[in-house]
Each structure stands twice: as C-alpha cells, then as structure tokens.
Amino acid sequence: MITNSISAGRFLLGDFSKAMTGDRMDATVDISEHHDQNWTKNLLTILCEMRGCLAVTRPSAFRYGAF
C-alpha cells in the first residue's frame, strides 16, 4: 500500500537497515510580516521546512497492518 500517512489504529514495522534516507530539499526558513495583521501588530510569521525521502531496498522487510 502506498500512502503519505498512517491512519489511527494502523502500524508500520520494519528493518530500517534495509532502507535508505535522503534529503529531497535542504532545510528552508521563510519569515514574513505580510500576513493578515502582522504589519499592524508588529508580528512575524515563520515557516520552517525540510523534505526527506525513504527508499526501501527490500520491501519484504516491512509490514503494515492494523492493531
């Protein structure tokens, strides 16, 4: 099953030595004072983001199911 999230009552269990992690994008930090009433209230909005990936080299090393 391919999914971006795991719903409540489900699990993912695996041997993570059979997978590789990587960076899809460097970490970014964006700061803005131009949102809603930030300018008049002297506030800042901060967005921090990092994107990664998980490449599974042996799919049989992972199990997905219900509790």
C-alpha atoms as a PDB file:
ATOM      1  CA  MET A   1       0.000   0.000   0.000  1.00  0.00           C
ATOM      2  CA  ILE A   2       1.400   3.433  -0.958  1.00  0.00           C
ATOM      3  CA  THR A   3       0.435   6.284   1.363  1.00  0.00           C
ATOM      4  CA  ASN A   4       1.714   9.629   2.643  1.00  0.00           C
ATOM      5  CA  SER A   5       0.337   8.987   6.134  1.00  0.00           C
ATOM      6  CA  ILE A   6      -0.675   6.217   8.506  1.00  0.00           C
ATOM      7  CA  SER A   7      -4.153   6.484   9.992  1.00  0.00           C
ATOM      8  CA  ALA A   8      -5.049   5.790  13.629  1.00  0.00           C
ATOM      9  CA  GLY A   9      -5.167   2.101  14.519  1.00  0.00           C
ATOM     10  CA  ARG A  10      -2.591   1.123  11.850  1.00  0.00           C
ATOM     11  CA  PHE A  11       1.158   0.413  12.128  1.00  0.00           C
ATOM     12  CA  LEU A  12       4.332   0.210  10.055  1.00  0.00           C
ATOM     13  CA  LEU A  13       7.051  -2.088  11.367  1.00  0.00           C
ATOM     14  CA  GLY A  14      10.288  -2.847   9.614  1.00  0.00           C
ATOM     15  CA  ASP A  15      14.006  -3.431   9.473  1.00  0.00           C
ATOM     16  CA  PHE A  16      15.195   0.075   8.657  1.00  0.00           C
ATOM     17  CA  SER A  17      18.688  -1.221   7.849  1.00  0.00           C
ATOM     18  CA  LYS A  18      17.059  -2.321   4.557  1.00  0.00           C
ATOM     19  CA  ALA A  19      16.126   1.289   3.751  1.00  0.00           C
ATOM     20  CA  MET A  20      17.999   4.490   2.972  1.00  0.00           C
ATOM     21  CA  THR A  21      17.058   8.025   3.954  1.00  0.00           C
ATOM     22  CA  GLY A  22      17.894  11.072   1.914  1.00  0.00           C
ATOM     23  CA  ASP A  23      17.284  14.787   1.565  1.00  0.00           C
ATOM     24  CA  ARG A  24      14.926  15.847  -1.199  1.00  0.00           C
ATOM     25  CA  MET A  25      15.494  19.506  -0.381  1.00  0.00           C
ATOM     26  CA  ASP A  26      17.695  21.451   2.031  1.00  0.00           C
ATOM     27  CA  ALA A  27      16.046  22.955   5.086  1.00  0.00           C
ATOM     28  CA  THR A  28      14.468  26.338   4.439  1.00  0.00           C
ATOM     29  CA  VAL A  29      13.292  29.103   6.752  1.00  0.00           C
ATOM     30  CA  ASP A  30      10.910  31.794   5.442  1.00  0.00           C
ATOM     31  CA  ILE A  31       9.929  34.831   7.506  1.00  0.00           C
ATOM     32  CA  SER A  32       7.123  37.189   6.513  1.00  0.00           C
ATOM     33  CA  GLU A  33       5.493  40.232   8.057  1.00  0.00           C
ATOM     34  CA  HIS A  34       2.903  40.482   5.257  1.00  0.00           C
ATOM     35  CA  HIS A  35       0.267  38.049   6.518  1.00  0.00           C
ATOM     36  CA  ASP A  36      -3.143  39.077   7.863  1.00  0.00           C
ATOM     37  CA  GLN A  37      -2.495  41.740  10.537  1.00  0.00           C
ATOM     38  CA  ASN A  38       1.208  41.057  11.113  1.00  0.00           C
ATOM     39  CA  TRP A  39       2.244  44.503   9.854  1.00  0.00           C
ATOM     40  CA  THR A  40      -0.102  46.450  12.134  1.00  0.00           C
ATOM     41  CA  LYS A  41       0.537  44.236  15.188  1.00  0.00           C
ATOM     42  CA  ASN A  42       4.326  44.078  14.623  1.00  0.00           C
ATOM     43  CA  LEU A  43       4.330  40.260  14.245  1.00  0.00           C
ATOM     44  CA  LEU A  44       6.239  37.796  12.064  1.00  0.00           C
ATOM     45  CA  THR A  45       5.117  34.518  10.500  1.00  0.00           C
ATOM     46  CA  ILE A  46       7.842  31.856  10.291  1.00  0.00           C
ATOM     47  CA  LEU A  47       7.743  28.766   8.054  1.00  0.00           C
ATOM     48  CA  CYS A  48      10.455  26.104   8.561  1.00  0.00           C
ATOM     49  CA  GLU A  49      10.511  23.159   6.193  1.00  0.00           C
ATOM     50  CA  MET A  50      12.682  20.168   5.321  1.00  0.00           C
ATOM     51  CA  ARG A  51      11.796  17.410   2.883  1.00  0.00           C
ATOM     52  CA  GLY A  52      13.221  13.922   3.095  1.00  0.00           C
ATOM     53  CA  CYS A  53      12.729  10.554   1.465  1.00  0.00           C
ATOM     54  CA  LEU A  54      12.827   6.914   2.493  1.00  0.00           C
ATOM     55  CA  ALA A  55      13.972   4.451  -0.186  1.00  0.00           C
ATOM     56  CA  VAL A  56      13.192   0.830   0.705  1.00  0.00           C
ATOM     57  CA  THR A  57      15.628  -1.634  -0.892  1.00  0.00           C
ATOM     58  CA  ARG A  58      13.836  -4.761   0.351  1.00  0.00           C
ATOM     59  CA  PRO A  59      10.042  -4.316   0.651  1.00  0.00           C
ATOM     60  CA  SER A  60       9.601  -7.717   2.389  1.00  0.00           C
ATOM     61  CA  ALA A  61      11.494  -6.272   5.397  1.00  0.00           C
ATOM     62  CA  PHE A  62       8.459  -4.078   6.231  1.00  0.00           C
ATOM     63  CA  ARG A  63       4.974  -4.906   7.463  1.00  0.00           C
ATOM     64  CA  TYR A  64       1.893  -2.677   7.502  1.00  0.00           C
ATOM     65  CA  GLY A  65      -1.342  -3.577   9.261  1.00  0.00           C
ATOM     66  CA  ALA A  66      -3.989  -2.938  11.913  1.00  0.00           C
ATOM     67  CA  PHE A  67      -3.552  -3.219  15.685  1.00  0.00           C
END
